[in-house]
Every structure is written in structure tokens, then in C-alpha cells.
């Protein structure tokens, strides 16, 4: 059975996360895996300008400040950023996002993300 080789690029604004991956999870960069320390929005904008596309984008970022919506952070929910992300996802691709809310009901939290 052949297994597909995944080409994974992780983007994190915090350089400590890359060091943790290297030290505690023995991460080593290779032609098929890399960690780029950069603002995710800036990276996505650059990818869009270069015409890059992805099969999948996973948004797993949160705010540590008290807010109704903790994840994804509101900066990633602007029309401009959502449009940029849509432009770099292949037609058959998928966007997966971690959603964490402090709303009493999940219906209210969903409304916040759907805005």
C-alpha cells in the first residue's frame, strides 16, 4: 500500500513554539516539513501574491485575553483575511479551524464565528 507523502508547513508567530518542537518533539526540518516563524496573516498574504495553494489549512490559534471568542482570533475573521485564505485553498481543499467561545450557548458562539 502506498502512502501519500504529506508536505507540511507550520506557521507560528512565536519562535518559542519552534524551539519546543525541536527540543521536546525532535522536530527536524526536511523537504516535506518546515516551521516558519511569521505572522500567519502576513504569510497567507504572501502565499496569495505568489499564487500558492494548499490542500488544507488548519487554524489553531487563540487569544489568551478574556473575550467572547477565544479561537480563532478576530484578526483571522476579517473579510480581507477570510478572502485571502479562500484564495490559497485549492478548489477541493478544506479550512479547519479550532473554535473556542465563552458564550453560554454554542449557538451564540457559532453566530460570532459566522459573522
PDB file of N, CA and C in Angstrom:
ATOM      1  N   UNK A   1       0.842  -1.179   0.000  1.00  0.00           N
ATOM      2  CA  UNK A   1       0.000   0.000   0.000  1.00  0.00           C
ATOM      3  C   UNK A   1       0.885   1.239   0.000  1.00  0.00           C
ATOM      4  N   UNK A   2       0.597   2.153  -0.910  1.00  0.00           N
ATOM      5  CA  UNK A   2       1.369   3.397  -0.969  1.00  0.00           C
ATOM      6  C   UNK A   2       0.724   4.443  -0.066  1.00  0.00           C
ATOM      7  N   UNK A   3       1.559   5.169   0.631  1.00  0.00           N
ATOM      8  CA  UNK A   3       1.070   6.253   1.460  1.00  0.00           C
ATOM      9  C   UNK A   3       1.471   7.573   0.820  1.00  0.00           C
ATOM     10  N   UNK A   4       0.546   8.507   0.841  1.00  0.00           N
ATOM     11  CA  UNK A   4       0.816   9.819   0.299  1.00  0.00           C
ATOM     12  C   UNK A   4       1.849  10.520   1.186  1.00  0.00           C
ATOM     13  N   UNK A   5       2.783  11.190   0.555  1.00  0.00           N
ATOM     14  CA  UNK A   5       3.751  11.981   1.312  1.00  0.00           C
ATOM     15  C   UNK A   5       3.139  13.356   1.560  1.00  0.00           C
ATOM     16  N   UNK A   6       3.021  13.705   2.806  1.00  0.00           N
ATOM     17  CA  UNK A   6       2.458  14.996   3.168  1.00  0.00           C
ATOM     18  C   UNK A   6       3.553  16.049   3.188  1.00  0.00           C
ATOM     19  N   UNK A   7       3.257  17.183   2.622  1.00  0.00           N
ATOM     20  CA  UNK A   7       4.151  18.331   2.632  1.00  0.00           C
ATOM     21  C   UNK A   7       3.525  19.334   3.593  1.00  0.00           C
ATOM     22  N   UNK A   8       4.135  19.519   4.751  1.00  0.00           N
ATOM     23  CA  UNK A   8       3.526  20.307   5.817  1.00  0.00           C
ATOM     24  C   UNK A   8       4.363  21.542   6.121  1.00  0.00           C
ATOM     25  N   UNK A   9       3.688  22.683   6.124  1.00  0.00           N
ATOM     26  CA  UNK A   9       4.297  23.943   6.531  1.00  0.00           C
ATOM     27  C   UNK A   9       3.524  24.454   7.737  1.00  0.00           C
ATOM     28  N   UNK A  10       4.190  24.608   8.860  1.00  0.00           N
ATOM     29  CA  UNK A  10       3.571  25.169  10.061  1.00  0.00           C
ATOM     30  C   UNK A  10       4.032  26.616  10.191  1.00  0.00           C
ATOM     31  N   UNK A  11       3.085  27.489  10.479  1.00  0.00           N
ATOM     32  CA  UNK A  11       3.386  28.910  10.657  1.00  0.00           C
ATOM     33  C   UNK A  11       3.044  29.271  12.096  1.00  0.00           C
ATOM     34  N   UNK A  12       3.974  29.889  12.794  1.00  0.00           N
ATOM     35  CA  UNK A  12       3.705  30.345  14.157  1.00  0.00           C
ATOM     36  C   UNK A  12       4.438  31.653  14.384  1.00  0.00           C
ATOM     37  N   UNK A  13       3.758  32.592  14.958  1.00  0.00           N
ATOM     38  CA  UNK A  13       4.350  33.909  15.198  1.00  0.00           C
ATOM     39  C   UNK A  13       5.360  33.864  16.351  1.00  0.00           C
ATOM     40  N   UNK A  14       5.263  32.848  17.195  1.00  0.00           N
ATOM     41  CA  UNK A  14       6.098  32.755  18.393  1.00  0.00           C
ATOM     42  C   UNK A  14       7.283  31.808  18.156  1.00  0.00           C
ATOM     43  N   UNK A  15       8.509  32.322  18.151  1.00  0.00           N
ATOM     44  CA  UNK A  15       9.672  31.465  17.921  1.00  0.00           C
ATOM     45  C   UNK A  15       9.854  30.387  18.991  1.00  0.00           C
ATOM     46  N   UNK A  16       9.289  30.599  20.160  1.00  0.00           N
ATOM     47  CA  UNK A  16       9.391  29.599  21.224  1.00  0.00           C
ATOM     48  C   UNK A  16       8.714  28.295  20.799  1.00  0.00           C
ATOM     49  N   UNK A  17       7.634  28.392  20.031  1.00  0.00           N
ATOM     50  CA  UNK A  17       6.929  27.184  19.594  1.00  0.00           C
ATOM     51  C   UNK A  17       7.819  26.316  18.701  1.00  0.00           C
ATOM     52  N   UNK A  18       8.613  26.952  17.870  1.00  0.00           N
ATOM     53  CA  UNK A  18       9.535  26.190  17.020  1.00  0.00           C
ATOM     54  C   UNK A  18      10.593  25.505  17.883  1.00  0.00           C
ATOM     55  N   UNK A  19      11.118  26.226  18.870  1.00  0.00           N
ATOM     56  CA  UNK A  19      12.128  25.636  19.754  1.00  0.00           C
ATOM     57  C   UNK A  19      11.549  24.463  20.552  1.00  0.00           C
ATOM     58  N   UNK A  20      10.301  24.586  20.983  1.00  0.00           N
ATOM     59  CA  UNK A  20       9.651  23.484  21.703  1.00  0.00           C
ATOM     60  C   UNK A  20       9.539  22.263  20.796  1.00  0.00           C
ATOM     61  N   UNK A  21       9.127  22.475  19.555  1.00  0.00           N
ATOM     62  CA  UNK A  21       9.002  21.360  18.603  1.00  0.00           C
ATOM     63  C   UNK A  21      10.347  20.668  18.396  1.00  0.00           C
ATOM     64  N   UNK A  22      11.397  21.463  18.300  1.00  0.00           N
ATOM     65  CA  UNK A  22      12.732  20.897  18.068  1.00  0.00           C
ATOM     66  C   UNK A  22      13.262  20.175  19.308  1.00  0.00           C
ATOM     67  N   UNK A  23      13.086  20.799  20.450  1.00  0.00           N
ATOM     68  CA  UNK A  23      13.671  20.231  21.670  1.00  0.00           C
ATOM     69  C   UNK A  23      12.869  19.062  22.230  1.00  0.00           C
ATOM     70  N   UNK A  24      11.558  19.223  22.333  1.00  0.00           N
ATOM     71  CA  UNK A  24      10.743  18.234  23.031  1.00  0.00           C
ATOM     72  C   UNK A  24      10.074  17.214  22.107  1.00  0.00           C
ATOM     73  N   UNK A  25       9.963  17.545  20.826  1.00  0.00           N
ATOM     74  CA  UNK A  25       9.310  16.619  19.889  1.00  0.00           C
ATOM     75  C   UNK A  25      10.251  16.176  18.776  1.00  0.00           C
ATOM     76  N   UNK A  26      11.538  16.502  18.936  1.00  0.00           N
ATOM     77  CA  UNK A  26      12.586  16.102  17.999  1.00  0.00           C
ATOM     78  C   UNK A  26      12.266  16.486  16.552  1.00  0.00           C
ATOM     79  N   UNK A  27      11.615  17.620  16.376  1.00  0.00           N
ATOM     80  CA  UNK A  27      11.294  18.086  15.026  1.00  0.00           C
ATOM     81  C   UNK A  27      12.571  18.476  14.295  1.00  0.00           C
ATOM     82  N   UNK A  28      12.684  18.034  13.057  1.00  0.00           N
ATOM     83  CA  UNK A  28      13.776  18.440  12.179  1.00  0.00           C
ATOM     84  C   UNK A  28      13.176  18.842  10.845  1.00  0.00           C
ATOM     85  N   UNK A  29      13.610  19.978  10.333  1.00  0.00           N
ATOM     86  CA  UNK A  29      13.109  20.407   9.030  1.00  0.00           C
ATOM     87  C   UNK A  29      13.581  19.442   7.958  1.00  0.00           C
ATOM     88  N   UNK A  30      12.757  19.296   6.936  1.00  0.00           N
ATOM     89  CA  UNK A  30      13.070  18.426   5.805  1.00  0.00           C
ATOM     90  C   UNK A  30      12.401  19.020   4.565  1.00  0.00           C
ATOM     91  N   UNK A  31      12.628  18.443   3.403  1.00  0.00           N
ATOM     92  CA  UNK A  31      11.946  18.949   2.205  1.00  0.00           C
ATOM     93  C   UNK A  31      10.420  18.878   2.319  1.00  0.00           C
ATOM     94  N   UNK A  32       9.901  18.022   3.218  1.00  0.00           N
ATOM     95  CA  UNK A  32       8.455  17.868   3.348  1.00  0.00           C
ATOM     96  C   UNK A  32       7.876  18.443   4.638  1.00  0.00           C
ATOM     97  N   UNK A  33       8.706  19.018   5.501  1.00  0.00           N
ATOM     98  CA  UNK A  33       8.162  19.624   6.720  1.00  0.00           C
ATOM     99  C   UNK A  33       9.036  20.782   7.169  1.00  0.00           C
ATOM    100  N   UNK A  34       8.356  21.848   7.547  1.00  0.00           N
ATOM    101  CA  UNK A  34       9.069  23.044   7.964  1.00  0.00           C
ATOM    102  C   UNK A  34       8.198  23.853   8.924  1.00  0.00           C
ATOM    103  N   UNK A  35       8.846  24.638   9.767  1.00  0.00           N
ATOM    104  CA  UNK A  35       8.161  25.590  10.636  1.00  0.00           C
ATOM    105  C   UNK A  35       8.691  26.964  10.275  1.00  0.00           C
ATOM    106  N   UNK A  36       7.782  27.862   9.959  1.00  0.00           N
ATOM    107  CA  UNK A  36       8.151  29.228   9.616  1.00  0.00           C
ATOM    108  C   UNK A  36       7.657  30.136  10.732  1.00  0.00           C
ATOM    109  N   UNK A  37       8.555  30.928  11.287  1.00  0.00           N
ATOM    110  CA  UNK A  37       8.189  31.871  12.336  1.00  0.00           C
ATOM    111  C   UNK A  37       7.789  33.175  11.653  1.00  0.00           C
ATOM    112  N   UNK A  38       6.494  33.404  11.615  1.00  0.00           N
ATOM    113  CA  UNK A  38       5.954  34.583  10.939  1.00  0.00           C
ATOM    114  C   UNK A  38       4.489  34.740  11.339  1.00  0.00           C
ATOM    115  N   UNK A  39       3.979  35.934  11.208  1.00  0.00           N
ATOM    116  CA  UNK A  39       2.556  36.183  11.403  1.00  0.00           C
ATOM    117  C   UNK A  39       1.787  35.412  10.326  1.00  0.00           C
ATOM    118  N   UNK A  40       0.801  34.639  10.725  1.00  0.00           N
ATOM    119  CA  UNK A  40       0.042  33.823   9.786  1.00  0.00           C
ATOM    120  C   UNK A  40      -0.668  34.628   8.716  1.00  0.00           C
ATOM    121  N   UNK A  41      -1.144  35.806   9.066  1.00  0.00           N
ATOM    122  CA  UNK A  41      -1.822  36.657   8.079  1.00  0.00           C
ATOM    123  C   UNK A  41      -0.826  37.127   7.034  1.00  0.00           C
ATOM    124  N   UNK A  42       0.338  37.555   7.473  1.00  0.00           N
ATOM    125  CA  UNK A  42       1.380  38.007   6.543  1.00  0.00           C
ATOM    126  C   UNK A  42       1.793  36.856   5.635  1.00  0.00           C
ATOM    127  N   UNK A  43       1.939  35.664   6.208  1.00  0.00           N
ATOM    128  CA  UNK A  43       2.319  34.501   5.400  1.00  0.00           C
ATOM    129  C   UNK A  43       1.250  34.205   4.348  1.00  0.00           C
ATOM    130  N   UNK A  44      -0.012  34.210   4.753  1.00  0.00           N
ATOM    131  CA  UNK A  44      -1.108  33.924   3.818  1.00  0.00           C
ATOM    132  C   UNK A  44      -1.161  34.964   2.704  1.00  0.00           C
ATOM    133  N   UNK A  45      -0.958  36.230   3.045  1.00  0.00           N
ATOM    134  CA  UNK A  45      -0.951  37.280   2.020  1.00  0.00           C
ATOM    135  C   UNK A  45       0.180  37.061   1.023  1.00  0.00           C
ATOM    136  N   UNK A  46       1.344  36.683   1.521  1.00  0.00           N
ATOM    137  CA  UNK A  46       2.477  36.399   0.637  1.00  0.00           C
ATOM    138  C   UNK A  46       2.210  35.197  -0.255  1.00  0.00           C
ATOM    139  N   UNK A  47       1.605  34.160   0.313  1.00  0.00           N
ATOM    140  CA  UNK A  47       1.269  32.965  -0.470  1.00  0.00           C
ATOM    141  C   UNK A  47       0.281  33.321  -1.573  1.00  0.00           C
ATOM    142  N   UNK A  48      -0.687  34.169  -1.257  1.00  0.00           N
ATOM    143  CA  UNK A  48      -1.675  34.584  -2.262  1.00  0.00           C
ATOM    144  C   UNK A  48      -1.003  35.355  -3.393  1.00  0.00           C
ATOM    145  N   UNK A  49      -0.081  36.245  -3.048  1.00  0.00           N
ATOM    146  CA  UNK A  49       0.625  37.026  -4.077  1.00  0.00           C
ATOM    147  C   UNK A  49       1.454  36.135  -4.992  1.00  0.00           C
ATOM    148  N   UNK A  50       1.986  35.033  -4.436  1.00  0.00           N
ATOM    149  CA  UNK A  50       2.803  34.102  -5.227  1.00  0.00           C
ATOM    150  C   UNK A  50       1.950  33.074  -5.970  1.00  0.00           C
ATOM    151  N   UNK A  51       0.642  33.068  -5.703  1.00  0.00           N
ATOM    152  CA  UNK A  51      -0.236  32.099  -6.349  1.00  0.00           C
ATOM    153  C   UNK A  51      -0.152  30.700  -5.760  1.00  0.00           C
ATOM    154  N   UNK A  52       0.350  30.592  -4.542  1.00  0.00           N
ATOM    155  CA  UNK A  52       0.454  29.284  -3.891  1.00  0.00           C
ATOM    156  C   UNK A  52      -0.932  28.819  -3.449  1.00  0.00           C
ATOM    157  N   UNK A  53      -1.148  27.498  -3.478  1.00  0.00           N
ATOM    158  CA  UNK A  53      -2.404  26.938  -2.983  1.00  0.00           C
ATOM    159  C   UNK A  53      -2.109  25.729  -2.105  1.00  0.00           C
ATOM    160  N   UNK A  54      -3.054  25.430  -1.231  1.00  0.00           N
ATOM    161  CA  UNK A  54      -2.892  24.361  -0.251  1.00  0.00           C
ATOM    162  C   UNK A  54      -4.115  23.454  -0.259  1.00  0.00           C
ATOM    163  N   UNK A  55      -3.881  22.180   0.014  1.00  0.00           N
ATOM    164  CA  UNK A  55      -4.980  21.218   0.132  1.00  0.00           C
ATOM    165  C   UNK A  55      -5.758  21.433   1.426  1.00  0.00           C
ATOM    166  N   UNK A  56      -5.060  21.857   2.465  1.00  0.00           N
ATOM    167  CA  UNK A  56      -5.705  22.054   3.762  1.00  0.00           C
ATOM    168  C   UNK A  56      -4.998  23.160   4.527  1.00  0.00           C
ATOM    169  N   UNK A  57      -5.791  23.925   5.242  1.00  0.00           N
ATOM    170  CA  UNK A  57      -5.265  24.939   6.157  1.00  0.00           C
ATOM    171  C   UNK A  57      -5.938  24.692   7.499  1.00  0.00           C
ATOM    172  N   UNK A  58      -5.138  24.582   8.537  1.00  0.00           N
ATOM    173  CA  UNK A  58      -5.642  24.382   9.889  1.00  0.00           C
ATOM    174  C   UNK A  58      -5.350  25.638  10.696  1.00  0.00           C
ATOM    175  N   UNK A  59      -6.409  26.297  11.152  1.00  0.00           N
ATOM    176  CA  UNK A  59      -6.251  27.461  12.024  1.00  0.00           C
ATOM    177  C   UNK A  59      -6.419  26.986  13.456  1.00  0.00           C
ATOM    178  N   UNK A  60      -5.345  26.993  14.193  1.00  0.00           N
ATOM    179  CA  UNK A  60      -5.376  26.571  15.586  1.00  0.00           C
ATOM    180  C   UNK A  60      -4.671  27.644  16.393  1.00  0.00           C
ATOM    181  N   UNK A  61      -5.341  28.764  16.527  1.00  0.00           N
ATOM    182  CA  UNK A  61      -4.740  29.886  17.239  1.00  0.00           C
ATOM    183  C   UNK A  61      -5.787  30.526  18.117  1.00  0.00           C
ATOM    184  N   UNK A  62      -5.324  30.971  19.266  1.00  0.00           N
ATOM    185  CA  UNK A  62      -6.269  31.538  20.222  1.00  0.00           C
ATOM    186  C   UNK A  62      -5.657  32.734  20.925  1.00  0.00           C
ATOM    187  N   UNK A  63      -6.535  33.458  21.582  1.00  0.00           N
ATOM    188  CA  UNK A  63      -6.134  34.626  22.348  1.00  0.00           C
ATOM    189  C   UNK A  63      -6.105  34.222  23.814  1.00  0.00           C
ATOM    190  N   UNK A  64      -5.194  34.784  24.564  1.00  0.00           N
ATOM    191  CA  UNK A  64      -5.157  34.471  25.991  1.00  0.00           C
ATOM    192  C   UNK A  64      -5.822  35.559  26.823  1.00  0.00           C
ATOM    193  N   UNK A  65      -6.458  36.522  26.143  1.00  0.00           N
ATOM    194  CA  UNK A  65      -7.182  37.578  26.849  1.00  0.00           C
ATOM    195  C   UNK A  65      -8.655  37.186  26.947  1.00  0.00           C
ATOM    196  N   UNK A  66      -9.323  37.580  28.037  1.00  0.00           N
ATOM    197  CA  UNK A  66     -10.750  37.268  28.142  1.00  0.00           C
ATOM    198  C   UNK A  66     -11.529  37.902  26.982  1.00  0.00           C
ATOM    199  N   UNK A  67     -12.319  37.095  26.319  1.00  0.00           N
ATOM    200  CA  UNK A  67     -13.141  37.570  25.207  1.00  0.00           C
ATOM    201  C   UNK A  67     -14.237  36.554  24.967  1.00  0.00           C
ATOM    202  N   UNK A  68     -15.306  36.990  24.295  1.00  0.00           N
ATOM    203  CA  UNK A  68     -16.372  36.045  23.984  1.00  0.00           C
ATOM    204  C   UNK A  68     -15.871  34.968  23.036  1.00  0.00           C
ATOM    205  N   UNK A  69     -15.046  35.363  22.070  1.00  0.00           N
ATOM    206  CA  UNK A  69     -14.480  34.406  21.128  1.00  0.00           C
ATOM    207  C   UNK A  69     -12.984  34.301  21.402  1.00  0.00           C
ATOM    208  N   UNK A  70     -12.537  33.135  21.808  1.00  0.00           N
ATOM    209  CA  UNK A  70     -11.136  32.917  22.138  1.00  0.00           C
ATOM    210  C   UNK A  70     -10.369  32.414  20.919  1.00  0.00           C
ATOM    211  N   UNK A  71     -10.998  31.523  20.147  1.00  0.00           N
ATOM    212  CA  UNK A  71     -10.354  30.984  18.946  1.00  0.00           C
ATOM    213  C   UNK A  71     -11.406  30.763  17.863  1.00  0.00           C
ATOM    214  N   UNK A  72     -11.092  31.096  16.632  1.00  0.00           N
ATOM    215  CA  UNK A  72      -9.860  31.750  16.196  1.00  0.00           C
ATOM    216  C   UNK A  72      -9.861  33.216  16.621  1.00  0.00           C
ATOM    217  N   UNK A  73      -8.694  33.818  16.592  1.00  0.00           N
ATOM    218  CA  UNK A  73      -8.620  35.223  16.975  1.00  0.00           C
ATOM    219  C   UNK A  73      -9.327  36.068  15.923  1.00  0.00           C
ATOM    220  N   UNK A  74      -9.893  37.179  16.360  1.00  0.00           N
ATOM    221  CA  UNK A  74     -10.727  38.009  15.481  1.00  0.00           C
ATOM    222  C   UNK A  74      -9.983  38.528  14.257  1.00  0.00           C
ATOM    223  N   UNK A  75      -8.680  38.713  14.358  1.00  0.00           N
ATOM    224  CA  UNK A  75      -7.920  39.196  13.202  1.00  0.00           C
ATOM    225  C   UNK A  75      -8.045  38.249  12.012  1.00  0.00           C
ATOM    226  N   UNK A  76      -8.254  36.975  12.278  1.00  0.00           N
ATOM    227  CA  UNK A  76      -8.390  35.990  11.201  1.00  0.00           C
ATOM    228  C   UNK A  76      -9.813  35.906  10.663  1.00  0.00           C
ATOM    229  N   UNK A  77     -10.743  36.655  11.243  1.00  0.00           N
ATOM    230  CA  UNK A  77     -12.135  36.605  10.804  1.00  0.00           C
ATOM    231  C   UNK A  77     -12.552  37.829  10.002  1.00  0.00           C
ATOM    232  N   UNK A  78     -11.623  38.714   9.694  1.00  0.00           N
ATOM    233  CA  UNK A  78     -11.982  39.868   8.871  1.00  0.00           C
ATOM    234  C   UNK A  78     -12.264  39.406   7.444  1.00  0.00           C
ATOM    235  N   UNK A  79     -13.063  40.182   6.729  1.00  0.00           N
ATOM    236  CA  UNK A  79     -13.384  39.836   5.337  1.00  0.00           C
ATOM    237  C   UNK A  79     -12.119  39.682   4.504  1.00  0.00           C
ATOM    238  N   UNK A  80     -11.154  40.579   4.715  1.00  0.00           N
ATOM    239  CA  UNK A  80      -9.913  40.544   3.935  1.00  0.00           C
ATOM    240  C   UNK A  80      -9.135  39.247   4.174  1.00  0.00           C
ATOM    241  N   UNK A  81      -8.991  38.854   5.425  1.00  0.00           N
ATOM    242  CA  UNK A  81      -8.223  37.649   5.735  1.00  0.00           C
ATOM    243  C   UNK A  81      -8.970  36.397   5.279  1.00  0.00           C
ATOM    244  N   UNK A  82     -10.276  36.351   5.498  1.00  0.00           N
ATOM    245  CA  UNK A  82     -11.057  35.197   5.039  1.00  0.00           C
ATOM    246  C   UNK A  82     -10.943  35.059   3.523  1.00  0.00           C
ATOM    247  N   UNK A  83     -10.997  36.181   2.814  1.00  0.00           N
ATOM    248  CA  UNK A  83     -10.849  36.162   1.353  1.00  0.00           C
ATOM    249  C   UNK A  83      -9.459  35.673   0.953  1.00  0.00           C
ATOM    250  N   UNK A  84      -8.444  36.125   1.667  1.00  0.00           N
ATOM    251  CA  UNK A  84      -7.074  35.684   1.384  1.00  0.00           C
ATOM    252  C   UNK A  84      -6.940  34.183   1.606  1.00  0.00           C
ATOM    253  N   UNK A  85      -7.467  33.690   2.718  1.00  0.00           N
ATOM    254  CA  UNK A  85      -7.396  32.253   2.992  1.00  0.00           C
ATOM    255  C   UNK A  85      -8.138  31.460   1.919  1.00  0.00           C
ATOM    256  N   UNK A  86      -9.296  31.951   1.513  1.00  0.00           N
ATOM    257  CA  UNK A  86     -10.068  31.267   0.467  1.00  0.00           C
ATOM    258  C   UNK A  86      -9.283  31.205  -0.838  1.00  0.00           C
ATOM    259  N   UNK A  87      -8.501  32.238  -1.112  1.00  0.00           N
ATOM    260  CA  UNK A  87      -7.754  32.283  -2.374  1.00  0.00           C
ATOM    261  C   UNK A  87      -6.567  31.322  -2.402  1.00  0.00           C
ATOM    262  N   UNK A  88      -6.118  30.866  -1.235  1.00  0.00           N
ATOM    263  CA  UNK A  88      -4.961  29.959  -1.225  1.00  0.00           C
ATOM    264  C   UNK A  88      -5.344  28.508  -0.931  1.00  0.00           C
ATOM    265  N   UNK A  89      -6.633  28.253  -0.795  1.00  0.00           N
ATOM    266  CA  UNK A  89      -7.102  26.876  -0.622  1.00  0.00           C
ATOM    267  C   UNK A  89      -7.503  26.344  -1.991  1.00  0.00           C
ATOM    268  N   UNK A  90      -7.007  25.163  -2.323  1.00  0.00           N
ATOM    269  CA  UNK A  90      -7.386  24.545  -3.594  1.00  0.00           C
ATOM    270  C   UNK A  90      -8.899  24.350  -3.639  1.00  0.00           C
ATOM    271  N   UNK A  91      -9.441  24.269  -4.852  1.00  0.00           N
ATOM    272  CA  UNK A  91     -10.888  24.126  -5.006  1.00  0.00           C
ATOM    273  C   UNK A  91     -11.426  22.932  -4.216  1.00  0.00           C
ATOM    274  N   UNK A  92     -10.672  21.859  -4.161  1.00  0.00           N
ATOM    275  CA  UNK A  92     -11.101  20.675  -3.408  1.00  0.00           C
ATOM    276  C   UNK A  92     -10.532  20.670  -1.989  1.00  0.00           C
ATOM    277  N   UNK A  93      -9.938  21.791  -1.576  1.00  0.00           N
ATOM    278  CA  UNK A  93      -9.289  21.870  -0.271  1.00  0.00           C
ATOM    279  C   UNK A  93     -10.252  22.147   0.863  1.00  0.00           C
ATOM    280  N   UNK A  94      -9.690  22.224   2.057  1.00  0.00           N
ATOM    281  CA  UNK A  94     -10.502  22.396   3.256  1.00  0.00           C
ATOM    282  C   UNK A  94      -9.813  23.359   4.224  1.00  0.00           C
ATOM    283  N   UNK A  95     -10.620  24.148   4.918  1.00  0.00           N
ATOM    284  CA  UNK A  95     -10.148  25.006   6.002  1.00  0.00           C
ATOM    285  C   UNK A  95     -10.725  24.433   7.288  1.00  0.00           C
ATOM    286  N   UNK A  96      -9.855  24.119   8.220  1.00  0.00           N
ATOM    287  CA  UNK A  96     -10.264  23.563   9.511  1.00  0.00           C
ATOM    288  C   UNK A  96      -9.871  24.589  10.568  1.00  0.00           C
ATOM    289  N   UNK A  97     -10.799  24.923  11.463  1.00  0.00           N
ATOM    290  CA  UNK A  97     -10.500  25.926  12.480  1.00  0.00           C
ATOM    291  C   UNK A  97     -10.925  25.438  13.858  1.00  0.00           C
ATOM    292  N   UNK A  98     -10.059  25.638  14.823  1.00  0.00           N
ATOM    293  CA  UNK A  98     -10.421  25.412  16.215  1.00  0.00           C
ATOM    294  C   UNK A  98     -11.289  26.583  16.644  1.00  0.00           C
ATOM    295  N   UNK A  99     -12.440  26.290  17.233  1.00  0.00           N
ATOM    296  CA  UNK A  99     -13.343  27.338  17.698  1.00  0.00           C
ATOM    297  C   UNK A  99     -13.551  27.154  19.195  1.00  0.00           C
ATOM    298  N   UNK A 100     -13.215  28.196  19.952  1.00  0.00           N
ATOM    299  CA  UNK A 100     -13.417  28.193  21.403  1.00  0.00           C
ATOM    300  C   UNK A 100     -14.137  29.485  21.753  1.00  0.00           C
ATOM    301  N   UNK A 101     -15.246  29.351  22.444  1.00  0.00           N
ATOM    302  CA  UNK A 101     -16.036  30.516  22.806  1.00  0.00           C
ATOM    303  C   UNK A 101     -16.394  30.462  24.285  1.00  0.00           C
ATOM    304  N   UNK A 102     -16.657  31.627  24.859  1.00  0.00           N
ATOM    305  CA  UNK A 102     -17.097  31.684  26.251  1.00  0.00           C
ATOM    306  C   UNK A 102     -18.589  31.956  26.335  1.00  0.00           C
ATOM    307  N   UNK A 103     -19.277  31.864  25.204  1.00  0.00           N
ATOM    308  CA  UNK A 103     -20.725  32.055  25.227  1.00  0.00           C
ATOM    309  C   UNK A 103     -21.377  30.939  26.037  1.00  0.00           C
ATOM    310  N   UNK A 104     -22.495  31.268  26.675  1.00  0.00           N
ATOM    311  CA  UNK A 104     -23.221  30.255  27.437  1.00  0.00           C
ATOM    312  C   UNK A 104     -23.822  29.187  26.535  1.00  0.00           C
ATOM    313  N   UNK A 105     -24.115  29.553  25.300  1.00  0.00           N
ATOM    314  CA  UNK A 105     -24.669  28.551  24.386  1.00  0.00           C
ATOM    315  C   UNK A 105     -23.793  28.452  23.150  1.00  0.00           C
ATOM    316  N   UNK A 106     -23.666  27.260  22.625  1.00  0.00           N
ATOM    317  CA  UNK A 106     -22.844  27.078  21.428  1.00  0.00           C
ATOM    318  C   UNK A 106     -23.453  27.797  20.238  1.00  0.00           C
ATOM    319  N   UNK A 107     -24.766  28.007  20.237  1.00  0.00           N
ATOM    320  CA  UNK A 107     -25.422  28.718  19.140  1.00  0.00           C
ATOM    321  C   UNK A 107     -24.900  30.152  19.054  1.00  0.00           C
ATOM    322  N   UNK A 108     -24.738  30.809  20.193  1.00  0.00           N
ATOM    323  CA  UNK A 108     -24.221  32.181  20.203  1.00  0.00           C
ATOM    324  C   UNK A 108     -22.768  32.216  19.740  1.00  0.00           C
ATOM    325  N   UNK A 109     -21.981  31.252  20.160  1.00  0.00           N
ATOM    326  CA  UNK A 109     -20.588  31.181  19.721  1.00  0.00           C
ATOM    327  C   UNK A 109     -20.484  30.969  18.228  1.00  0.00           C
ATOM    328  N   UNK A 110     -21.337  30.120  17.678  1.00  0.00           N
ATOM    329  CA  UNK A 110     -21.333  29.870  16.235  1.00  0.00           C
ATOM    330  C   UNK A 110     -21.682  31.146  15.475  1.00  0.00           C
ATOM    331  N   UNK A 111     -22.638  31.913  15.982  1.00  0.00           N
ATOM    332  CA  UNK A 111     -23.015  33.174  15.329  1.00  0.00           C
ATOM    333  C   UNK A 111     -21.817  34.120  15.257  1.00  0.00           C
ATOM    334  N   UNK A 112     -21.016  34.152  16.310  1.00  0.00           N
ATOM    335  CA  UNK A 112     -19.840  35.026  16.349  1.00  0.00           C
ATOM    336  C   UNK A 112     -18.860  34.660  15.242  1.00  0.00           C
ATOM    337  N   UNK A 113     -18.632  33.375  15.028  1.00  0.00           N
ATOM    338  CA  UNK A 113     -17.695  32.917  14.002  1.00  0.00           C
ATOM    339  C   UNK A 113     -18.269  33.120  12.610  1.00  0.00           C
ATOM    340  N   UNK A 114     -19.578  32.952  12.454  1.00  0.00           N
ATOM    341  CA  UNK A 114     -20.209  33.053  11.140  1.00  0.00           C
ATOM    342  C   UNK A 114     -20.349  34.485  10.644  1.00  0.00           C
ATOM    343  N   UNK A 115     -20.130  35.480  11.487  1.00  0.00           N
ATOM    344  CA  UNK A 115     -20.295  36.889  11.074  1.00  0.00           C
ATOM    345  C   UNK A 115     -19.512  37.216   9.851  1.00  0.00           C
TER     346      UNK A 115
END
